[in-house]
All heavy atoms as atom14 arrays in JSON, in Angstrom:
{
  "sequence": "VDVSIAVSTPAGLITPIVFNAHIKGLASISKDVASLAAKAREGK",
  "atom14_mask": [
    [1, 1, 1, 1, 1, 1, 1, 0, 0, 0, 0, 0, 0, 0],
    [1, 1, 1, 1, 1, 1, 1, 1, 0, 0, 0, 0, 0, 0],
    [1, 1, 1, 1, 1, 1, 1, 0, 0, 0, 0, 0, 0, 0],
    [1, 1, 1, 1, 1, 1, 0, 0, 0, 0, 0, 0, 0, 0],
    [1, 1, 1, 1, 1, 1, 1, 1, 0, 0, 0, 0, 0, 0],
    [1, 1, 1, 1, 1, 0, 0, 0, 0, 0, 0, 0, 0, 0],
    [1, 1, 1, 1, 1, 1, 1, 0, 0, 0, 0, 0, 0, 0],
    [1, 1, 1, 1, 1, 1, 0, 0, 0, 0, 0, 0, 0, 0],
    [1, 1, 1, 1, 1, 1, 1, 0, 0, 0, 0, 0, 0, 0],
    [1, 1, 1, 1, 1, 1, 1, 0, 0, 0, 0, 0, 0, 0],
    [1, 1, 1, 1, 1, 0, 0, 0, 0, 0, 0, 0, 0, 0],
    [1, 1, 1, 1, 0, 0, 0, 0, 0, 0, 0, 0, 0, 0],
    [1, 1, 1, 1, 1, 1, 1, 1, 0, 0, 0, 0, 0, 0],
    [1, 1, 1, 1, 1, 1, 1, 1, 0, 0, 0, 0, 0, 0],
    [1, 1, 1, 1, 1, 1, 1, 0, 0, 0, 0, 0, 0, 0],
    [1, 1, 1, 1, 1, 1, 1, 0, 0, 0, 0, 0, 0, 0],
    [1, 1, 1, 1, 1, 1, 1, 1, 0, 0, 0, 0, 0, 0],
    [1, 1, 1, 1, 1, 1, 1, 0, 0, 0, 0, 0, 0, 0],
    [1, 1, 1, 1, 1, 1, 1, 1, 1, 1, 1, 0, 0, 0],
    [1, 1, 1, 1, 1, 1, 1, 1, 0, 0, 0, 0, 0, 0],
    [1, 1, 1, 1, 1, 0, 0, 0, 0, 0, 0, 0, 0, 0],
    [1, 1, 1, 1, 1, 1, 1, 1, 1, 1, 0, 0, 0, 0],
    [1, 1, 1, 1, 1, 1, 1, 1, 0, 0, 0, 0, 0, 0],
    [1, 1, 1, 1, 1, 1, 1, 1, 1, 0, 0, 0, 0, 0],
    [1, 1, 1, 1, 0, 0, 0, 0, 0, 0, 0, 0, 0, 0],
    [1, 1, 1, 1, 1, 1, 1, 1, 0, 0, 0, 0, 0, 0],
    [1, 1, 1, 1, 1, 0, 0, 0, 0, 0, 0, 0, 0, 0],
    [1, 1, 1, 1, 1, 1, 0, 0, 0, 0, 0, 0, 0, 0],
    [1, 1, 1, 1, 1, 1, 1, 1, 0, 0, 0, 0, 0, 0],
    [1, 1, 1, 1, 1, 1, 0, 0, 0, 0, 0, 0, 0, 0],
    [1, 1, 1, 1, 1, 1, 1, 1, 1, 0, 0, 0, 0, 0],
    [1, 1, 1, 1, 1, 1, 1, 1, 0, 0, 0, 0, 0, 0],
    [1, 1, 1, 1, 1, 1, 1, 0, 0, 0, 0, 0, 0, 0],
    [1, 1, 1, 1, 1, 0, 0, 0, 0, 0, 0, 0, 0, 0],
    [1, 1, 1, 1, 1, 1, 0, 0, 0, 0, 0, 0, 0, 0],
    [1, 1, 1, 1, 1, 1, 1, 1, 0, 0, 0, 0, 0, 0],
    [1, 1, 1, 1, 1, 0, 0, 0, 0, 0, 0, 0, 0, 0],
    [1, 1, 1, 1, 1, 0, 0, 0, 0, 0, 0, 0, 0, 0],
    [1, 1, 1, 1, 1, 1, 1, 1, 1, 0, 0, 0, 0, 0],
    [1, 1, 1, 1, 1, 0, 0, 0, 0, 0, 0, 0, 0, 0],
    [1, 1, 1, 1, 1, 1, 1, 1, 1, 1, 1, 0, 0, 0],
    [1, 1, 1, 1, 1, 1, 1, 1, 1, 0, 0, 0, 0, 0],
    [1, 1, 1, 1, 0, 0, 0, 0, 0, 0, 0, 0, 0, 0],
    [1, 1, 1, 1, 1, 1, 1, 1, 1, 0, 0, 0, 0, 0]
  ],
  "atom14_positions": [
    [[91.18, 103.2, 101.43], [90.85, 101.85, 101.8], [92.07, 101.26, 102.54], [93.1, 100.91, 101.92], [90.49, 100.96, 100.61], [89.94, 99.58, 101.04], [89.39, 101.66, 99.7], [0.0, 0.0, 0.0], [0.0, 0.0, 0.0], [0.0, 0.0, 0.0], [0.0, 0.0, 0.0], [0.0, 0.0, 0.0], [0.0, 0.0, 0.0], [0.0, 0.0, 0.0]],
    [[91.91, 101.09, 103.83], [92.89, 100.43, 104.68], [92.31, 99.05, 105.08], [91.42, 98.96, 105.88], [93.16, 101.25, 105.95], [93.74, 102.64, 105.62], [94.39, 102.76, 104.58], [93.45, 103.6, 106.39], [0.0, 0.0, 0.0], [0.0, 0.0, 0.0], [0.0, 0.0, 0.0], [0.0, 0.0, 0.0], [0.0, 0.0, 0.0], [0.0, 0.0, 0.0]],
    [[92.88, 98.05, 104.43], [92.35, 96.67, 104.59], [93.0, 96.0, 105.82], [94.16, 95.79, 105.89], [92.55, 95.82, 103.32], [92.0, 94.44, 103.52], [91.91, 96.47, 102.14], [0.0, 0.0, 0.0], [0.0, 0.0, 0.0], [0.0, 0.0, 0.0], [0.0, 0.0, 0.0], [0.0, 0.0, 0.0], [0.0, 0.0, 0.0], [0.0, 0.0, 0.0]],
    [[92.19, 95.62, 106.79], [92.61, 94.84, 107.96], [92.68, 93.36, 107.6], [91.72, 92.79, 106.94], [91.67, 95.05, 109.13], [91.6, 96.39, 109.49], [0.0, 0.0, 0.0], [0.0, 0.0, 0.0], [0.0, 0.0, 0.0], [0.0, 0.0, 0.0], [0.0, 0.0, 0.0], [0.0, 0.0, 0.0], [0.0, 0.0, 0.0], [0.0, 0.0, 0.0]],
    [[93.72, 92.66, 107.96], [93.92, 91.26, 107.65], [93.83, 90.45, 108.97], [94.65, 90.66, 109.87], [95.29, 90.97, 106.97], [95.42, 91.94, 105.76], [95.35, 89.56, 106.46], [94.4, 91.81, 104.73], [0.0, 0.0, 0.0], [0.0, 0.0, 0.0], [0.0, 0.0, 0.0], [0.0, 0.0, 0.0], [0.0, 0.0, 0.0], [0.0, 0.0, 0.0]],
    [[92.91, 89.56, 109.04], [92.78, 88.67, 110.25], [93.96, 87.73, 110.33], [94.18, 86.9, 109.4], [91.48, 87.98, 110.27], [0.0, 0.0, 0.0], [0.0, 0.0, 0.0], [0.0, 0.0, 0.0], [0.0, 0.0, 0.0], [0.0, 0.0, 0.0], [0.0, 0.0, 0.0], [0.0, 0.0, 0.0], [0.0, 0.0, 0.0], [0.0, 0.0, 0.0]],
    [[94.76, 87.81, 111.44], [95.92, 86.92, 111.6], [95.73, 86.22, 112.94], [95.49, 86.83, 113.97], [97.22, 87.68, 111.59], [98.37, 86.8, 111.88], [97.43, 88.38, 110.27], [0.0, 0.0, 0.0], [0.0, 0.0, 0.0], [0.0, 0.0, 0.0], [0.0, 0.0, 0.0], [0.0, 0.0, 0.0], [0.0, 0.0, 0.0], [0.0, 0.0, 0.0]],
    [[95.89, 84.92, 112.9], [95.78, 84.14, 114.16], [97.17, 84.08, 114.81], [98.18, 83.76, 114.16], [95.32, 82.71, 113.86], [95.28, 81.91, 115.01], [0.0, 0.0, 0.0], [0.0, 0.0, 0.0], [0.0, 0.0, 0.0], [0.0, 0.0, 0.0], [0.0, 0.0, 0.0], [0.0, 0.0, 0.0], [0.0, 0.0, 0.0], [0.0, 0.0, 0.0]],
    [[97.25, 84.36, 116.15], [98.51, 84.39, 116.86], [98.28, 83.55, 118.13], [97.14, 83.23, 118.5], [98.93, 85.78, 117.25], [98.04, 86.28, 118.35], [98.87, 86.73, 116.11], [0.0, 0.0, 0.0], [0.0, 0.0, 0.0], [0.0, 0.0, 0.0], [0.0, 0.0, 0.0], [0.0, 0.0, 0.0], [0.0, 0.0, 0.0], [0.0, 0.0, 0.0]],
    [[99.31, 83.13, 118.82], [99.19, 82.34, 120.01], [98.37, 83.1, 121.11], [97.69, 82.46, 121.93], [100.64, 82.2, 120.53], [101.49, 82.24, 119.28], [100.77, 83.19, 118.41], [0.0, 0.0, 0.0], [0.0, 0.0, 0.0], [0.0, 0.0, 0.0], [0.0, 0.0, 0.0], [0.0, 0.0, 0.0], [0.0, 0.0, 0.0], [0.0, 0.0, 0.0]],
    [[98.38, 84.46, 121.06], [97.61, 85.25, 122.0], [96.18, 85.46, 121.66], [95.31, 85.88, 122.45], [98.29, 86.59, 122.26], [0.0, 0.0, 0.0], [0.0, 0.0, 0.0], [0.0, 0.0, 0.0], [0.0, 0.0, 0.0], [0.0, 0.0, 0.0], [0.0, 0.0, 0.0], [0.0, 0.0, 0.0], [0.0, 0.0, 0.0], [0.0, 0.0, 0.0]],
    [[95.84, 85.2, 120.36], [94.48, 85.39, 119.85], [94.54, 86.1, 118.48], [95.59, 86.27, 117.87], [0.0, 0.0, 0.0], [0.0, 0.0, 0.0], [0.0, 0.0, 0.0], [0.0, 0.0, 0.0], [0.0, 0.0, 0.0], [0.0, 0.0, 0.0], [0.0, 0.0, 0.0], [0.0, 0.0, 0.0], [0.0, 0.0, 0.0], [0.0, 0.0, 0.0]],
    [[93.35, 86.46, 118.02], [93.21, 87.08, 116.68], [93.56, 88.49, 116.74], [93.16, 89.2, 117.66], [91.75, 86.92, 116.22], [91.52, 87.27, 114.73], [92.15, 86.18, 113.85], [90.05, 87.24, 114.43], [0.0, 0.0, 0.0], [0.0, 0.0, 0.0], [0.0, 0.0, 0.0], [0.0, 0.0, 0.0], [0.0, 0.0, 0.0], [0.0, 0.0, 0.0]],
    [[94.3, 89.03, 115.71], [94.67, 90.45, 115.65], [94.57, 90.78, 114.11], [94.75, 89.91, 113.28], [96.07, 90.67, 116.23], [96.25, 92.21, 116.37], [97.16, 90.13, 115.35], [97.45, 92.54, 117.22], [0.0, 0.0, 0.0], [0.0, 0.0, 0.0], [0.0, 0.0, 0.0], [0.0, 0.0, 0.0], [0.0, 0.0, 0.0], [0.0, 0.0, 0.0]],
    [[94.31, 92.05, 113.85], [94.05, 92.45, 112.43], [95.04, 93.59, 112.07], [94.65, 94.75, 112.1], [92.52, 92.92, 112.33], [92.28, 93.95, 113.34], [91.64, 91.77, 112.42], [0.0, 0.0, 0.0], [0.0, 0.0, 0.0], [0.0, 0.0, 0.0], [0.0, 0.0, 0.0], [0.0, 0.0, 0.0], [0.0, 0.0, 0.0], [0.0, 0.0, 0.0]],
    [[96.27, 93.28, 111.67], [97.11, 94.24, 111.14], [96.62, 94.84, 109.83], [95.8, 94.2, 109.15], [98.45, 93.53, 110.89], [98.04, 92.07, 110.77], [96.87, 91.93, 111.69], [0.0, 0.0, 0.0], [0.0, 0.0, 0.0], [0.0, 0.0, 0.0], [0.0, 0.0, 0.0], [0.0, 0.0, 0.0], [0.0, 0.0, 0.0], [0.0, 0.0, 0.0]],
    [[97.07, 96.04, 109.46], [96.39, 96.83, 108.41], [97.35, 96.99, 107.21], [98.5, 97.43, 107.43], [95.93, 98.18, 108.91], [94.99, 97.98, 110.13], [95.24, 98.94, 107.82], [94.74, 99.25, 110.86], [0.0, 0.0, 0.0], [0.0, 0.0, 0.0], [0.0, 0.0, 0.0], [0.0, 0.0, 0.0], [0.0, 0.0, 0.0], [0.0, 0.0, 0.0]],
    [[96.8, 96.74, 106.02], [97.54, 97.12, 104.75], [96.96, 98.5, 104.37], [95.86, 98.63, 103.9], [97.34, 96.13, 103.64], [97.96, 96.59, 102.36], [97.82, 94.75, 104.05], [0.0, 0.0, 0.0], [0.0, 0.0, 0.0], [0.0, 0.0, 0.0], [0.0, 0.0, 0.0], [0.0, 0.0, 0.0], [0.0, 0.0, 0.0], [0.0, 0.0, 0.0]],
    [[97.73, 99.56, 104.68], [97.21, 100.9, 104.42], [97.22, 101.26, 102.91], [98.12, 100.8, 102.21], [98.04, 101.9, 105.14], [97.91, 101.83, 106.68], [98.84, 101.13, 107.45], [96.88, 102.46, 107.3], [98.67, 101.05, 108.82], [96.73, 102.38, 108.66], [97.6, 101.68, 109.43], [0.0, 0.0, 0.0], [0.0, 0.0, 0.0], [0.0, 0.0, 0.0]],
    [[96.18, 101.99, 102.5], [96.08, 102.49, 101.11], [96.14, 101.29, 100.08], [96.95, 101.42, 99.11], [97.14, 103.52, 100.78], [97.0, 104.76, 101.58], [95.86, 105.37, 101.64], [98.02, 105.2, 102.29], [0.0, 0.0, 0.0], [0.0, 0.0, 0.0], [0.0, 0.0, 0.0], [0.0, 0.0, 0.0], [0.0, 0.0, 0.0], [0.0, 0.0, 0.0]],
    [[95.53, 100.21, 100.39], [95.59, 99.03, 99.56], [95.04, 99.31, 98.16], [95.45, 98.6, 97.22], [94.84, 97.89, 100.22], [0.0, 0.0, 0.0], [0.0, 0.0, 0.0], [0.0, 0.0, 0.0], [0.0, 0.0, 0.0], [0.0, 0.0, 0.0], [0.0, 0.0, 0.0], [0.0, 0.0, 0.0], [0.0, 0.0, 0.0], [0.0, 0.0, 0.0]],
    [[94.18, 100.29, 98.03], [93.56, 100.53, 96.72], [94.58, 101.13, 95.72], [94.35, 101.13, 94.52], [92.43, 101.51, 96.87], [92.74, 102.8, 97.52], [93.25, 102.95, 98.79], [92.61, 104.12, 97.06], [93.46, 104.21, 99.03], [93.07, 104.93, 98.02], [0.0, 0.0, 0.0], [0.0, 0.0, 0.0], [0.0, 0.0, 0.0], [0.0, 0.0, 0.0]],
    [[95.69, 101.71, 96.24], [96.65, 102.32, 95.3], [97.98, 101.56, 95.29], [98.92, 101.95, 94.63], [96.92, 103.8, 95.6], [97.39, 103.96, 97.08], [95.62, 104.59, 95.42], [97.84, 105.38, 97.45], [0.0, 0.0, 0.0], [0.0, 0.0, 0.0], [0.0, 0.0, 0.0], [0.0, 0.0, 0.0], [0.0, 0.0, 0.0], [0.0, 0.0, 0.0]],
    [[98.08, 100.47, 96.05], [99.32, 99.65, 96.06], [99.33, 98.57, 95.04], [98.25, 98.03, 94.74], [99.54, 99.12, 97.45], [99.99, 100.07, 98.48], [100.28, 99.46, 99.83], [100.81, 100.42, 100.85], [101.09, 99.87, 102.14], [0.0, 0.0, 0.0], [0.0, 0.0, 0.0], [0.0, 0.0, 0.0], [0.0, 0.0, 0.0], [0.0, 0.0, 0.0]],
    [[100.48, 98.23, 94.58], [100.63, 97.11, 93.62], [100.62, 95.78, 94.41], [100.74, 95.75, 95.63], [0.0, 0.0, 0.0], [0.0, 0.0, 0.0], [0.0, 0.0, 0.0], [0.0, 0.0, 0.0], [0.0, 0.0, 0.0], [0.0, 0.0, 0.0], [0.0, 0.0, 0.0], [0.0, 0.0, 0.0], [0.0, 0.0, 0.0], [0.0, 0.0, 0.0]],
    [[100.44, 94.67, 93.65], [100.39, 93.37, 94.33], [101.67, 93.03, 95.02], [101.63, 92.45, 96.12], [100.11, 92.33, 93.25], [98.7, 92.36, 92.6], [98.66, 91.45, 91.32], [97.65, 91.95, 93.6], [0.0, 0.0, 0.0], [0.0, 0.0, 0.0], [0.0, 0.0, 0.0], [0.0, 0.0, 0.0], [0.0, 0.0, 0.0], [0.0, 0.0, 0.0]],
    [[102.82, 93.33, 94.47], [104.1, 93.07, 95.14], [104.16, 93.79, 96.45], [104.67, 93.27, 97.45], [105.26, 93.44, 94.2], [0.0, 0.0, 0.0], [0.0, 0.0, 0.0], [0.0, 0.0, 0.0], [0.0, 0.0, 0.0], [0.0, 0.0, 0.0], [0.0, 0.0, 0.0], [0.0, 0.0, 0.0], [0.0, 0.0, 0.0], [0.0, 0.0, 0.0]],
    [[103.77, 95.1, 96.46], [103.79, 95.91, 97.64], [102.89, 95.33, 98.69], [103.26, 95.26, 99.93], [103.46, 97.39, 97.37], [103.5, 98.16, 98.52], [0.0, 0.0, 0.0], [0.0, 0.0, 0.0], [0.0, 0.0, 0.0], [0.0, 0.0, 0.0], [0.0, 0.0, 0.0], [0.0, 0.0, 0.0], [0.0, 0.0, 0.0], [0.0, 0.0, 0.0]],
    [[101.72, 94.87, 98.33], [100.72, 94.29, 99.23], [101.33, 93.02, 99.82], [101.21, 92.7, 101.0], [99.37, 94.04, 98.53], [98.68, 95.35, 98.23], [98.49, 93.14, 99.39], [97.41, 95.16, 97.45], [0.0, 0.0, 0.0], [0.0, 0.0, 0.0], [0.0, 0.0, 0.0], [0.0, 0.0, 0.0], [0.0, 0.0, 0.0], [0.0, 0.0, 0.0]],
    [[101.93, 92.2, 98.93], [102.51, 90.9, 99.42], [103.58, 91.14, 100.47], [103.6, 90.45, 101.47], [103.13, 90.14, 98.24], [103.66, 88.95, 98.57], [0.0, 0.0, 0.0], [0.0, 0.0, 0.0], [0.0, 0.0, 0.0], [0.0, 0.0, 0.0], [0.0, 0.0, 0.0], [0.0, 0.0, 0.0], [0.0, 0.0, 0.0], [0.0, 0.0, 0.0]],
    [[104.46, 92.17, 100.28], [105.45, 92.46, 101.23], [104.96, 92.93, 102.55], [105.34, 92.53, 103.63], [106.41, 93.53, 100.7], [107.31, 93.03, 99.56], [108.2, 94.22, 99.02], [109.07, 93.77, 97.89], [109.95, 94.91, 97.38], [0.0, 0.0, 0.0], [0.0, 0.0, 0.0], [0.0, 0.0, 0.0], [0.0, 0.0, 0.0], [0.0, 0.0, 0.0]],
    [[103.9, 93.78, 102.45], [103.22, 94.31, 103.72], [102.6, 93.17, 104.47], [102.73, 93.1, 105.71], [102.14, 95.35, 103.28], [102.71, 96.66, 102.93], [103.91, 96.82, 102.98], [101.92, 97.56, 102.48], [0.0, 0.0, 0.0], [0.0, 0.0, 0.0], [0.0, 0.0, 0.0], [0.0, 0.0, 0.0], [0.0, 0.0, 0.0], [0.0, 0.0, 0.0]],
    [[101.89, 92.29, 103.83], [101.21, 91.18, 104.47], [102.2, 90.25, 105.18], [102.08, 89.87, 106.38], [100.34, 90.42, 103.51], [99.74, 89.12, 104.15], [99.14, 91.24, 103.02], [0.0, 0.0, 0.0], [0.0, 0.0, 0.0], [0.0, 0.0, 0.0], [0.0, 0.0, 0.0], [0.0, 0.0, 0.0], [0.0, 0.0, 0.0], [0.0, 0.0, 0.0]],
    [[103.34, 89.91, 104.46], [104.32, 89.03, 105.04], [104.98, 89.64, 106.31], [105.12, 89.0, 107.33], [105.37, 88.67, 103.97], [0.0, 0.0, 0.0], [0.0, 0.0, 0.0], [0.0, 0.0, 0.0], [0.0, 0.0, 0.0], [0.0, 0.0, 0.0], [0.0, 0.0, 0.0], [0.0, 0.0, 0.0], [0.0, 0.0, 0.0], [0.0, 0.0, 0.0]],
    [[105.33, 90.91, 106.18], [105.93, 91.61, 107.33], [104.98, 91.75, 108.5], [105.33, 91.48, 109.68], [106.36, 93.01, 106.85], [106.87, 93.71, 107.98], [0.0, 0.0, 0.0], [0.0, 0.0, 0.0], [0.0, 0.0, 0.0], [0.0, 0.0, 0.0], [0.0, 0.0, 0.0], [0.0, 0.0, 0.0], [0.0, 0.0, 0.0], [0.0, 0.0, 0.0]],
    [[103.73, 92.14, 108.24], [102.78, 92.32, 109.28], [102.38, 91.0, 109.96], [102.3, 90.92, 111.2], [101.5, 92.98, 108.69], [101.65, 94.48, 108.33], [100.38, 94.89, 107.52], [101.84, 95.34, 109.48], [0.0, 0.0, 0.0], [0.0, 0.0, 0.0], [0.0, 0.0, 0.0], [0.0, 0.0, 0.0], [0.0, 0.0, 0.0], [0.0, 0.0, 0.0]],
    [[102.21, 89.94, 109.2], [101.87, 88.65, 109.75], [102.97, 88.13, 110.68], [102.78, 87.59, 111.73], [101.61, 87.65, 108.67], [0.0, 0.0, 0.0], [0.0, 0.0, 0.0], [0.0, 0.0, 0.0], [0.0, 0.0, 0.0], [0.0, 0.0, 0.0], [0.0, 0.0, 0.0], [0.0, 0.0, 0.0], [0.0, 0.0, 0.0], [0.0, 0.0, 0.0]],
    [[104.3, 88.29, 110.22], [105.41, 87.85, 111.03], [105.47, 88.64, 112.36], [105.68, 88.05, 113.38], [106.66, 87.96, 110.25], [0.0, 0.0, 0.0], [0.0, 0.0, 0.0], [0.0, 0.0, 0.0], [0.0, 0.0, 0.0], [0.0, 0.0, 0.0], [0.0, 0.0, 0.0], [0.0, 0.0, 0.0], [0.0, 0.0, 0.0], [0.0, 0.0, 0.0]],
    [[105.33, 89.94, 112.26], [105.31, 90.77, 113.51], [104.19, 90.48, 114.37], [104.35, 90.5, 115.62], [105.38, 92.25, 113.12], [106.63, 92.66, 112.34], [106.53, 94.09, 111.8], [106.52, 95.17, 112.84], [106.54, 96.51, 112.25], [0.0, 0.0, 0.0], [0.0, 0.0, 0.0], [0.0, 0.0, 0.0], [0.0, 0.0, 0.0], [0.0, 0.0, 0.0]],
    [[103.05, 90.13, 113.85], [101.87, 89.83, 114.67], [102.1, 88.59, 115.45], [101.83, 88.47, 116.65], [100.59, 89.68, 113.78], [0.0, 0.0, 0.0], [0.0, 0.0, 0.0], [0.0, 0.0, 0.0], [0.0, 0.0, 0.0], [0.0, 0.0, 0.0], [0.0, 0.0, 0.0], [0.0, 0.0, 0.0], [0.0, 0.0, 0.0], [0.0, 0.0, 0.0]],
    [[102.65, 87.52, 114.78], [102.87, 86.27, 115.47], [103.96, 86.35, 116.52], [104.06, 85.57, 117.48], [103.2, 85.18, 114.47], [102.0, 84.93, 113.55], [102.22, 83.67, 112.63], [101.03, 83.41, 111.83], [100.93, 83.77, 110.55], [102.01, 84.35, 109.96], [99.86, 83.55, 109.85], [0.0, 0.0, 0.0], [0.0, 0.0, 0.0], [0.0, 0.0, 0.0]],
    [[104.92, 87.29, 116.32], [106.01, 87.47, 117.3], [105.62, 88.51, 118.4], [106.44, 88.72, 119.29], [107.25, 87.97, 116.55], [107.86, 86.98, 115.61], [109.01, 87.56, 114.77], [109.3, 88.74, 114.97], [109.5, 86.8, 113.91], [0.0, 0.0, 0.0], [0.0, 0.0, 0.0], [0.0, 0.0, 0.0], [0.0, 0.0, 0.0], [0.0, 0.0, 0.0]],
    [[104.41, 89.04, 118.28], [103.98, 90.05, 119.27], [104.74, 91.38, 119.19], [104.82, 92.1, 120.13], [0.0, 0.0, 0.0], [0.0, 0.0, 0.0], [0.0, 0.0, 0.0], [0.0, 0.0, 0.0], [0.0, 0.0, 0.0], [0.0, 0.0, 0.0], [0.0, 0.0, 0.0], [0.0, 0.0, 0.0], [0.0, 0.0, 0.0], [0.0, 0.0, 0.0]],
    [[105.18, 91.73, 117.98], [105.96, 92.95, 117.81], [105.23, 94.08, 117.07], [105.84, 95.07, 116.64], [107.31, 92.64, 117.09], [108.18, 91.7, 117.86], [109.52, 91.44, 117.1], [110.49, 90.59, 117.91], [111.73, 90.31, 117.21], [0.0, 0.0, 0.0], [0.0, 0.0, 0.0], [0.0, 0.0, 0.0], [0.0, 0.0, 0.0], [0.0, 0.0, 0.0]]
  ]
}
C-alpha cells in the first residue's frame, strides 16, 4: 500500500507518495509527509 497524498502547490496539485504505509509507524509516516509536502511546495 503506497498512499498518495494530495498536496496543493503554487503550480497545481501533486500527489507525493508515502511508500509501504501499511508497515510504517505513525512517527515514520509523519516524517515522510512533512518532508514530501515541503519538497512538493518548493518544486524539489
